[in-house]
Amino acid sequence: MKSTDLPSPSLKGLFKPFSHIFFILHLIWDFVESDFVTFAVPNTAFGVIGAMASSVLVGEAPFPAQPTLQILQRLPNVVAFNVANLLVFDLANQRSPDSGKITMDQTRRCMLIVIPATLALNYALGPWRQGLFIMVLTWLYNDLRGGDEVFLRELIIAVAYGMFNSGSLIVAVGPGNSLSPLGLVWTVVVSGIILTTMQIQDLKDQDGDRTRGRKTIAVYLGEWVSRTSIAFFICFWSCS
């Protein structure tokens, strides 16, 4: 009997699904890269390190301290919470992606999938309340252009840091927990530091902010006022 030759799949066909996955992961990184180190990393650190002091930051009564290994096992969940919610913000913040990898309409369609998926992730991990607030803040900052208004921009970002930080802490200690009064105070203090000092990042691109019509404190009140207030609040928080 003559054997029938069966077509063998090419290597390109075998690896095609992996190339699609790699492209999606790389695209996600392109969106969140600029905010990952300044947003996701410190928020993740706040949650994980805060979980190690969970006996005073979590729960109404003294919360039992958890083993460090158990907390570190939740590190991927904390990172996932931060990256997913950060991705929603960065997708909404895109005006016209210049990479050529994705169009504005494709970005809009991605948000139709990413937002429900992120809400589901927030619910599964525990901090669904923080997740809802983050969505509202994203809408205020991007769609209503609150990010272009002086003082309001700083306030929105500071509150967003509070939501990300408290959410990261809840994920790190496990679902079903809430912040203690001291944990809430500590979160507010960190947000206050961000609110009063974050304008330092606006000093380097004042010309660009003027061109875009963004009313930063440095543009609206002047660079001298901005630098003076930064120096004052750095000294204030350092002595507090």
C-alpha atoms as a PDB file:
ATOM      1  CA  MET A   1       0.000   0.000   0.000  1.00  0.00           C
ATOM      2  CA  LYS A   2       1.325   3.419  -0.955  1.00  0.00           C
ATOM      3  CA  SER A   3       1.542   5.751   1.973  1.00  0.00           C
ATOM      4  CA  THR A   4      -0.131   9.120   1.681  1.00  0.00           C
ATOM      5  CA  ASP A   5       2.056  12.118   2.396  1.00  0.00           C
ATOM      6  CA  LEU A   6       0.470  14.364   5.003  1.00  0.00           C
ATOM      7  CA  PRO A   7       1.317  18.054   4.920  1.00  0.00           C
ATOM      8  CA  SER A   8       3.503  19.004   7.840  1.00  0.00           C
ATOM      9  CA  PRO A   9       2.747  22.271   9.579  1.00  0.00           C
ATOM     10  CA  SER A  10       5.378  24.924   9.083  1.00  0.00           C
ATOM     11  CA  LEU A  11       7.282  26.354  12.007  1.00  0.00           C
ATOM     12  CA  LYS A  12       5.812  29.745  11.205  1.00  0.00           C
ATOM     13  CA  GLY A  13       2.302  28.368  11.586  1.00  0.00           C
ATOM     14  CA  LEU A  14       3.155  26.683  14.871  1.00  0.00           C
ATOM     15  CA  PHE A  15       4.563  29.852  16.416  1.00  0.00           C
ATOM     16  CA  LYS A  16       1.930  32.215  15.015  1.00  0.00           C
ATOM     17  CA  PRO A  17      -0.290  32.124  18.158  1.00  0.00           C
ATOM     18  CA  PHE A  18       2.758  32.911  20.291  1.00  0.00           C
ATOM     19  CA  SER A  19       3.648  35.845  18.054  1.00  0.00           C
ATOM     20  CA  HIS A  20       0.149  37.266  18.581  1.00  0.00           C
ATOM     21  CA  ILE A  21       0.483  36.881  22.354  1.00  0.00           C
ATOM     22  CA  PHE A  22       3.914  38.524  22.295  1.00  0.00           C
ATOM     23  CA  PHE A  23       2.547  41.399  20.202  1.00  0.00           C
ATOM     24  CA  ILE A  24      -0.308  42.001  22.664  1.00  0.00           C
ATOM     25  CA  LEU A  25       2.047  41.916  25.666  1.00  0.00           C
ATOM     26  CA  HIS A  26       4.448  44.278  23.924  1.00  0.00           C
ATOM     27  CA  LEU A  27       1.581  46.621  23.056  1.00  0.00           C
ATOM     28  CA  ILE A  28       0.415  46.646  26.685  1.00  0.00           C
ATOM     29  CA  TRP A  29       3.954  47.498  27.746  1.00  0.00           C
ATOM     30  CA  ASP A  30       4.090  50.344  25.212  1.00  0.00           C
ATOM     31  CA  PHE A  31       1.011  51.868  26.834  1.00  0.00           C
ATOM     32  CA  VAL A  32       2.072  51.536  30.487  1.00  0.00           C
ATOM     33  CA  GLU A  33       5.853  51.889  30.132  1.00  0.00           C
ATOM     34  CA  SER A  34       6.028  55.628  30.854  1.00  0.00           C
ATOM     35  CA  ASP A  35       4.028  55.257  34.103  1.00  0.00           C
ATOM     36  CA  PHE A  36       5.229  51.843  35.254  1.00  0.00           C
ATOM     37  CA  VAL A  37       8.262  52.951  37.266  1.00  0.00           C
ATOM     38  CA  THR A  38       6.619  56.089  38.681  1.00  0.00           C
ATOM     39  CA  PHE A  39       3.205  54.564  39.409  1.00  0.00           C
ATOM     40  CA  ALA A  40       2.971  50.781  39.390  1.00  0.00           C
ATOM     41  CA  VAL A  41       6.290  50.113  41.147  1.00  0.00           C
ATOM     42  CA  PRO A  42       5.829  52.466  44.153  1.00  0.00           C
ATOM     43  CA  ASN A  43       2.185  51.425  44.568  1.00  0.00           C
ATOM     44  CA  THR A  44       3.175  47.758  44.535  1.00  0.00           C
ATOM     45  CA  ALA A  45       5.925  48.455  47.057  1.00  0.00           C
ATOM     46  CA  PHE A  46       3.438  50.298  49.277  1.00  0.00           C
ATOM     47  CA  GLY A  47       1.111  47.303  49.264  1.00  0.00           C
ATOM     48  CA  VAL A  48       3.723  44.613  49.855  1.00  0.00           C
ATOM     49  CA  ILE A  49       5.722  46.502  52.484  1.00  0.00           C
ATOM     50  CA  GLY A  50       2.521  47.672  54.154  1.00  0.00           C
ATOM     51  CA  ALA A  51       1.293  44.082  54.307  1.00  0.00           C
ATOM     52  CA  MET A  52       4.382  43.218  56.327  1.00  0.00           C
ATOM     53  CA  ALA A  53       3.121  45.748  58.878  1.00  0.00           C
ATOM     54  CA  SER A  54      -0.466  44.564  58.488  1.00  0.00           C
ATOM     55  CA  SER A  55      -0.950  44.188  62.249  1.00  0.00           C
ATOM     56  CA  VAL A  56      -1.401  47.975  62.499  1.00  0.00           C
ATOM     57  CA  LEU A  57      -2.509  48.959  58.974  1.00  0.00           C
ATOM     58  CA  VAL A  58      -5.275  46.402  58.367  1.00  0.00           C
ATOM     59  CA  GLY A  59      -8.411  45.446  60.279  1.00  0.00           C
ATOM     60  CA  GLU A  60     -10.372  46.976  63.124  1.00  0.00           C
ATOM     61  CA  ALA A  61      -8.687  44.810  65.774  1.00  0.00           C
ATOM     62  CA  PRO A  62      -5.004  43.810  65.925  1.00  0.00           C
ATOM     63  CA  PHE A  63      -4.488  41.902  62.679  1.00  0.00           C
ATOM     64  CA  PRO A  64      -2.328  38.774  62.880  1.00  0.00           C
ATOM     65  CA  ALA A  65       1.006  39.240  61.152  1.00  0.00           C
ATOM     66  CA  GLN A  66       1.421  37.130  58.019  1.00  0.00           C
ATOM     67  CA  PRO A  67       4.572  35.266  56.988  1.00  0.00           C
ATOM     68  CA  THR A  68       6.707  37.214  54.537  1.00  0.00           C
ATOM     69  CA  LEU A  69       6.677  34.318  52.062  1.00  0.00           C
ATOM     70  CA  GLN A  70       2.885  34.280  52.062  1.00  0.00           C
ATOM     71  CA  ILE A  71       2.821  38.001  51.279  1.00  0.00           C
ATOM     72  CA  LEU A  72       5.403  37.640  48.501  1.00  0.00           C
ATOM     73  CA  GLN A  73       3.284  34.906  46.932  1.00  0.00           C
ATOM     74  CA  ARG A  74       0.619  37.568  46.371  1.00  0.00           C
ATOM     75  CA  LEU A  75       3.121  39.898  44.675  1.00  0.00           C
ATOM     76  CA  PRO A  76       1.979  38.885  41.144  1.00  0.00           C
ATOM     77  CA  ASN A  77      -1.609  39.732  42.132  1.00  0.00           C
ATOM     78  CA  VAL A  78      -0.532  43.156  43.381  1.00  0.00           C
ATOM     79  CA  VAL A  79       1.343  43.833  40.144  1.00  0.00           C
ATOM     80  CA  ALA A  80      -1.648  42.633  38.099  1.00  0.00           C
ATOM     81  CA  PHE A  81      -3.987  44.986  39.993  1.00  0.00           C
ATOM     82  CA  ASN A  82      -1.715  47.959  39.335  1.00  0.00           C
ATOM     83  CA  VAL A  83      -0.934  47.189  35.692  1.00  0.00           C
ATOM     84  CA  ALA A  84      -4.560  46.450  34.757  1.00  0.00           C
ATOM     85  CA  ASN A  85      -5.903  49.677  36.242  1.00  0.00           C
ATOM     86  CA  LEU A  86      -2.948  51.656  34.922  1.00  0.00           C
ATOM     87  CA  LEU A  87      -3.631  50.254  31.452  1.00  0.00           C
ATOM     88  CA  VAL A  88      -7.201  51.575  31.573  1.00  0.00           C
ATOM     89  CA  PHE A  89      -5.906  55.029  32.483  1.00  0.00           C
ATOM     90  CA  ASP A  90      -3.223  55.027  29.775  1.00  0.00           C
ATOM     91  CA  LEU A  91      -5.631  53.793  27.108  1.00  0.00           C
ATOM     92  CA  ALA A  92      -8.026  56.613  27.979  1.00  0.00           C
ATOM     93  CA  ASN A  93      -5.137  59.091  28.000  1.00  0.00           C
ATOM     94  CA  GLN A  94      -4.086  58.372  24.416  1.00  0.00           C
ATOM     95  CA  ARG A  95      -4.889  61.161  22.003  1.00  0.00           C
ATOM     96  CA  SER A  96      -3.225  59.810  18.849  1.00  0.00           C
ATOM     97  CA  PRO A  97      -0.738  56.938  19.319  1.00  0.00           C
ATOM     98  CA  ASP A  98       2.327  57.694  17.196  1.00  0.00           C
ATOM     99  CA  SER A  99       3.778  54.180  17.199  1.00  0.00           C
ATOM    100  CA  GLY A 100       1.638  53.105  14.254  1.00  0.00           C
ATOM    101  CA  LYS A 101       0.830  49.801  15.987  1.00  0.00           C
ATOM    102  CA  ILE A 102      -2.733  50.734  16.892  1.00  0.00           C
ATOM    103  CA  THR A 103      -5.274  53.330  15.789  1.00  0.00           C
ATOM    104  CA  MET A 104      -7.522  55.475  17.957  1.00  0.00           C
ATOM    105  CA  ASP A 105     -10.541  53.368  17.003  1.00  0.00           C
ATOM    106  CA  GLN A 106      -8.689  50.175  17.909  1.00  0.00           C
ATOM    107  CA  THR A 107      -7.733  51.770  21.226  1.00  0.00           C
ATOM    108  CA  ARG A 108     -11.392  52.543  21.885  1.00  0.00           C
ATOM    109  CA  ARG A 109     -12.344  48.941  21.128  1.00  0.00           C
ATOM    110  CA  CYS A 110      -9.610  47.687  23.436  1.00  0.00           C
ATOM    111  CA  MET A 111     -11.140  49.737  26.240  1.00  0.00           C
ATOM    112  CA  LEU A 112     -14.489  48.001  25.679  1.00  0.00           C
ATOM    113  CA  ILE A 113     -12.735  44.771  26.676  1.00  0.00           C
ATOM    114  CA  VAL A 114     -10.118  45.997  29.137  1.00  0.00           C
ATOM    115  CA  ILE A 115     -12.482  47.986  31.381  1.00  0.00           C
ATOM    116  CA  PRO A 116     -14.929  45.113  32.151  1.00  0.00           C
ATOM    117  CA  ALA A 117     -12.010  42.700  32.526  1.00  0.00           C
ATOM    118  CA  THR A 118     -10.279  45.053  34.963  1.00  0.00           C
ATOM    119  CA  LEU A 119     -13.460  45.537  36.994  1.00  0.00           C
ATOM    120  CA  ALA A 120     -13.814  41.752  37.223  1.00  0.00           C
ATOM    121  CA  LEU A 121     -10.167  41.432  38.283  1.00  0.00           C
ATOM    122  CA  ASN A 122     -10.616  44.092  40.965  1.00  0.00           C
ATOM    123  CA  TYR A 123     -13.643  42.240  42.326  1.00  0.00           C
ATOM    124  CA  ALA A 124     -11.797  38.923  42.366  1.00  0.00           C
ATOM    125  CA  LEU A 125      -8.736  40.359  44.114  1.00  0.00           C
ATOM    126  CA  GLY A 126     -10.737  42.325  46.684  1.00  0.00           C
ATOM    127  CA  PRO A 127     -10.297  46.092  46.121  1.00  0.00           C
ATOM    128  CA  TRP A 128     -13.354  46.556  43.908  1.00  0.00           C
ATOM    129  CA  ARG A 129     -14.290  49.825  45.633  1.00  0.00           C
ATOM    130  CA  GLN A 130     -10.892  51.309  44.868  1.00  0.00           C
ATOM    131  CA  GLY A 131     -11.218  50.014  41.318  1.00  0.00           C
ATOM    132  CA  LEU A 132     -14.516  51.859  40.822  1.00  0.00           C
ATOM    133  CA  PHE A 133     -13.008  55.092  42.142  1.00  0.00           C
ATOM    134  CA  ILE A 134     -10.046  54.674  39.776  1.00  0.00           C
ATOM    135  CA  MET A 135     -12.452  54.405  36.827  1.00  0.00           C
ATOM    136  CA  VAL A 136     -14.227  57.605  37.899  1.00  0.00           C
ATOM    137  CA  LEU A 137     -10.903  59.415  38.334  1.00  0.00           C
ATOM    138  CA  THR A 138      -9.786  58.208  34.899  1.00  0.00           C
ATOM    139  CA  TRP A 139     -12.972  59.660  33.409  1.00  0.00           C
ATOM    140  CA  LEU A 140     -12.465  62.986  35.220  1.00  0.00           C
ATOM    141  CA  TYR A 141      -8.796  63.235  34.236  1.00  0.00           C
ATOM    142  CA  ASN A 142      -9.049  62.229  30.582  1.00  0.00           C
ATOM    143  CA  ASP A 143     -12.573  62.532  29.188  1.00  0.00           C
ATOM    144  CA  LEU A 144     -13.461  65.703  31.128  1.00  0.00           C
ATOM    145  CA  ARG A 145      -9.869  66.964  30.767  1.00  0.00           C
ATOM    146  CA  GLY A 146      -9.394  67.489  34.463  1.00  0.00           C
ATOM    147  CA  GLY A 147      -5.734  66.750  33.842  1.00  0.00           C
ATOM    148  CA  ASP A 148      -5.442  70.093  32.033  1.00  0.00           C
ATOM    149  CA  GLU A 149      -6.817  72.157  34.934  1.00  0.00           C
ATOM    150  CA  VAL A 150      -4.548  73.714  37.540  1.00  0.00           C
ATOM    151  CA  PHE A 151      -4.860  72.230  41.053  1.00  0.00           C
ATOM    152  CA  LEU A 152      -7.520  69.747  39.906  1.00  0.00           C
ATOM    153  CA  ARG A 153      -4.892  67.704  38.057  1.00  0.00           C
ATOM    154  CA  GLU A 154      -2.766  67.370  41.184  1.00  0.00           C
ATOM    155  CA  LEU A 155      -5.811  66.494  43.292  1.00  0.00           C
ATOM    156  CA  ILE A 156      -7.009  63.766  40.913  1.00  0.00           C
ATOM    157  CA  ILE A 157      -3.566  62.159  40.717  1.00  0.00           C
ATOM    158  CA  ALA A 158      -3.097  62.304  44.503  1.00  0.00           C
ATOM    159  CA  VAL A 159      -6.470  60.639  45.105  1.00  0.00           C
ATOM    160  CA  ALA A 160      -5.623  58.063  42.429  1.00  0.00           C
ATOM    161  CA  TYR A 161      -2.397  57.223  44.259  1.00  0.00           C
ATOM    162  CA  GLY A 162      -4.455  56.725  47.411  1.00  0.00           C
ATOM    163  CA  MET A 163      -6.790  54.316  45.624  1.00  0.00           C
ATOM    164  CA  PHE A 164      -3.902  52.393  44.053  1.00  0.00           C
ATOM    165  CA  ASN A 165      -1.982  52.256  47.338  1.00  0.00           C
ATOM    166  CA  SER A 166      -4.899  51.121  49.485  1.00  0.00           C
ATOM    167  CA  GLY A 167      -5.957  48.633  46.819  1.00  0.00           C
ATOM    168  CA  SER A 168      -2.433  47.231  46.617  1.00  0.00           C
ATOM    169  CA  LEU A 169      -2.369  46.779  50.386  1.00  0.00           C
ATOM    170  CA  ILE A 170      -5.682  44.919  50.377  1.00  0.00           C
ATOM    171  CA  VAL A 171      -4.485  42.609  47.595  1.00  0.00           C
ATOM    172  CA  ALA A 172      -1.212  41.964  49.432  1.00  0.00           C
ATOM    173  CA  VAL A 173      -2.929  40.919  52.693  1.00  0.00           C
ATOM    174  CA  GLY A 174      -5.648  38.942  50.908  1.00  0.00           C
ATOM    175  CA  PRO A 175      -9.302  39.624  50.049  1.00  0.00           C
ATOM    176  CA  GLY A 176     -11.897  40.230  52.727  1.00  0.00           C
ATOM    177  CA  ASN A 177      -9.791  42.758  54.643  1.00  0.00           C
ATOM    178  CA  SER A 178      -9.984  46.529  54.990  1.00  0.00           C
ATOM    179  CA  LEU A 179      -7.683  49.288  56.156  1.00  0.00           C
ATOM    180  CA  SER A 180      -7.489  50.135  59.841  1.00  0.00           C
ATOM    181  CA  PRO A 181      -7.867  53.786  60.927  1.00  0.00           C
ATOM    182  CA  LEU A 182      -4.071  54.022  61.090  1.00  0.00           C
ATOM    183  CA  GLY A 183      -3.762  52.455  57.641  1.00  0.00           C
ATOM    184  CA  LEU A 184      -6.223  55.011  56.282  1.00  0.00           C
ATOM    185  CA  VAL A 185      -4.280  57.871  57.872  1.00  0.00           C
ATOM    186  CA  TRP A 186      -1.005  56.565  56.427  1.00  0.00           C
ATOM    187  CA  THR A 187      -2.546  56.323  52.957  1.00  0.00           C
ATOM    188  CA  VAL A 188      -3.860  59.894  53.218  1.00  0.00           C
ATOM    189  CA  VAL A 189      -0.438  61.150  54.345  1.00  0.00           C
ATOM    190  CA  VAL A 190       1.270  59.556  51.335  1.00  0.00           C
ATOM    191  CA  SER A 191      -1.350  61.074  49.029  1.00  0.00           C
ATOM    192  CA  GLY A 192      -0.793  64.439  50.709  1.00  0.00           C
ATOM    193  CA  ILE A 193       2.927  64.223  50.013  1.00  0.00           C
ATOM    194  CA  ILE A 194       2.195  63.472  46.366  1.00  0.00           C
ATOM    195  CA  LEU A 195      -0.390  66.273  46.141  1.00  0.00           C
ATOM    196  CA  THR A 196       2.015  68.929  47.410  1.00  0.00           C
ATOM    197  CA  THR A 197       5.239  67.841  45.686  1.00  0.00           C
ATOM    198  CA  MET A 198       4.295  66.147  42.395  1.00  0.00           C
ATOM    199  CA  GLN A 199       4.508  69.458  40.526  1.00  0.00           C
ATOM    200  CA  ILE A 200       8.275  68.989  40.466  1.00  0.00           C
ATOM    201  CA  GLN A 201       7.840  66.776  37.393  1.00  0.00           C
ATOM    202  CA  ASP A 202       6.161  69.653  35.519  1.00  0.00           C
ATOM    203  CA  LEU A 203       9.173  71.963  35.746  1.00  0.00           C
ATOM    204  CA  LYS A 204      11.062  70.224  32.938  1.00  0.00           C
ATOM    205  CA  ASP A 205       8.364  70.550  30.241  1.00  0.00           C
ATOM    206  CA  GLN A 206       6.756  73.943  30.752  1.00  0.00           C
ATOM    207  CA  ASP A 207       6.946  74.842  27.058  1.00  0.00           C
ATOM    208  CA  GLY A 208       5.174  71.628  26.107  1.00  0.00           C
ATOM    209  CA  ASP A 209       2.482  72.224  28.727  1.00  0.00           C
ATOM    210  CA  ARG A 210       1.884  75.734  27.394  1.00  0.00           C
ATOM    211  CA  THR A 211       1.580  74.373  23.856  1.00  0.00           C
ATOM    212  CA  ARG A 212      -0.963  71.746  24.934  1.00  0.00           C
ATOM    213  CA  GLY A 213      -2.880  74.247  27.042  1.00  0.00           C
ATOM    214  CA  ARG A 214      -2.218  72.323  30.255  1.00  0.00           C
ATOM    215  CA  LYS A 215      -2.486  74.600  33.288  1.00  0.00           C
ATOM    216  CA  THR A 216       0.187  73.261  35.621  1.00  0.00           C
ATOM    217  CA  ILE A 217       1.173  75.197  38.736  1.00  0.00           C
ATOM    218  CA  ALA A 218       4.503  76.152  37.141  1.00  0.00           C
ATOM    219  CA  VAL A 219       2.711  77.560  34.089  1.00  0.00           C
ATOM    220  CA  TYR A 220      -0.239  79.131  35.919  1.00  0.00           C
ATOM    221  CA  LEU A 221       1.490  80.650  38.971  1.00  0.00           C
ATOM    222  CA  GLY A 222       5.060  80.823  37.719  1.00  0.00           C
ATOM    223  CA  GLU A 223       8.201  78.752  38.164  1.00  0.00           C
ATOM    224  CA  TRP A 224       9.370  80.682  41.249  1.00  0.00           C
ATOM    225  CA  VAL A 225       6.128  79.986  43.121  1.00  0.00           C
ATOM    226  CA  SER A 226       6.257  76.331  42.092  1.00  0.00           C
ATOM    227  CA  ARG A 227       9.867  75.825  43.212  1.00  0.00           C
ATOM    228  CA  THR A 228       9.285  77.674  46.486  1.00  0.00           C
ATOM    229  CA  SER A 229       6.222  75.605  47.355  1.00  0.00           C
ATOM    230  CA  ILE A 230       8.057  72.373  46.528  1.00  0.00           C
ATOM    231  CA  ALA A 231      10.961  73.318  48.806  1.00  0.00           C
ATOM    232  CA  PHE A 232       8.559  74.290  51.599  1.00  0.00           C
ATOM    233  CA  PHE A 233       6.538  71.078  51.462  1.00  0.00           C
ATOM    234  CA  ILE A 234       9.629  68.868  51.233  1.00  0.00           C
ATOM    235  CA  CYS A 235      10.869  70.467  54.463  1.00  0.00           C
ATOM    236  CA  PHE A 236       7.394  70.243  56.004  1.00  0.00           C
ATOM    237  CA  TRP A 237       6.921  66.531  55.310  1.00  0.00           C
ATOM    238  CA  SER A 238      10.511  65.746  56.300  1.00  0.00           C
ATOM    239  CA  CYS A 239       9.979  67.348  59.713  1.00  0.00           C
ATOM    240  CA  SER A 240       6.516  65.878  60.277  1.00  0.00           C
END
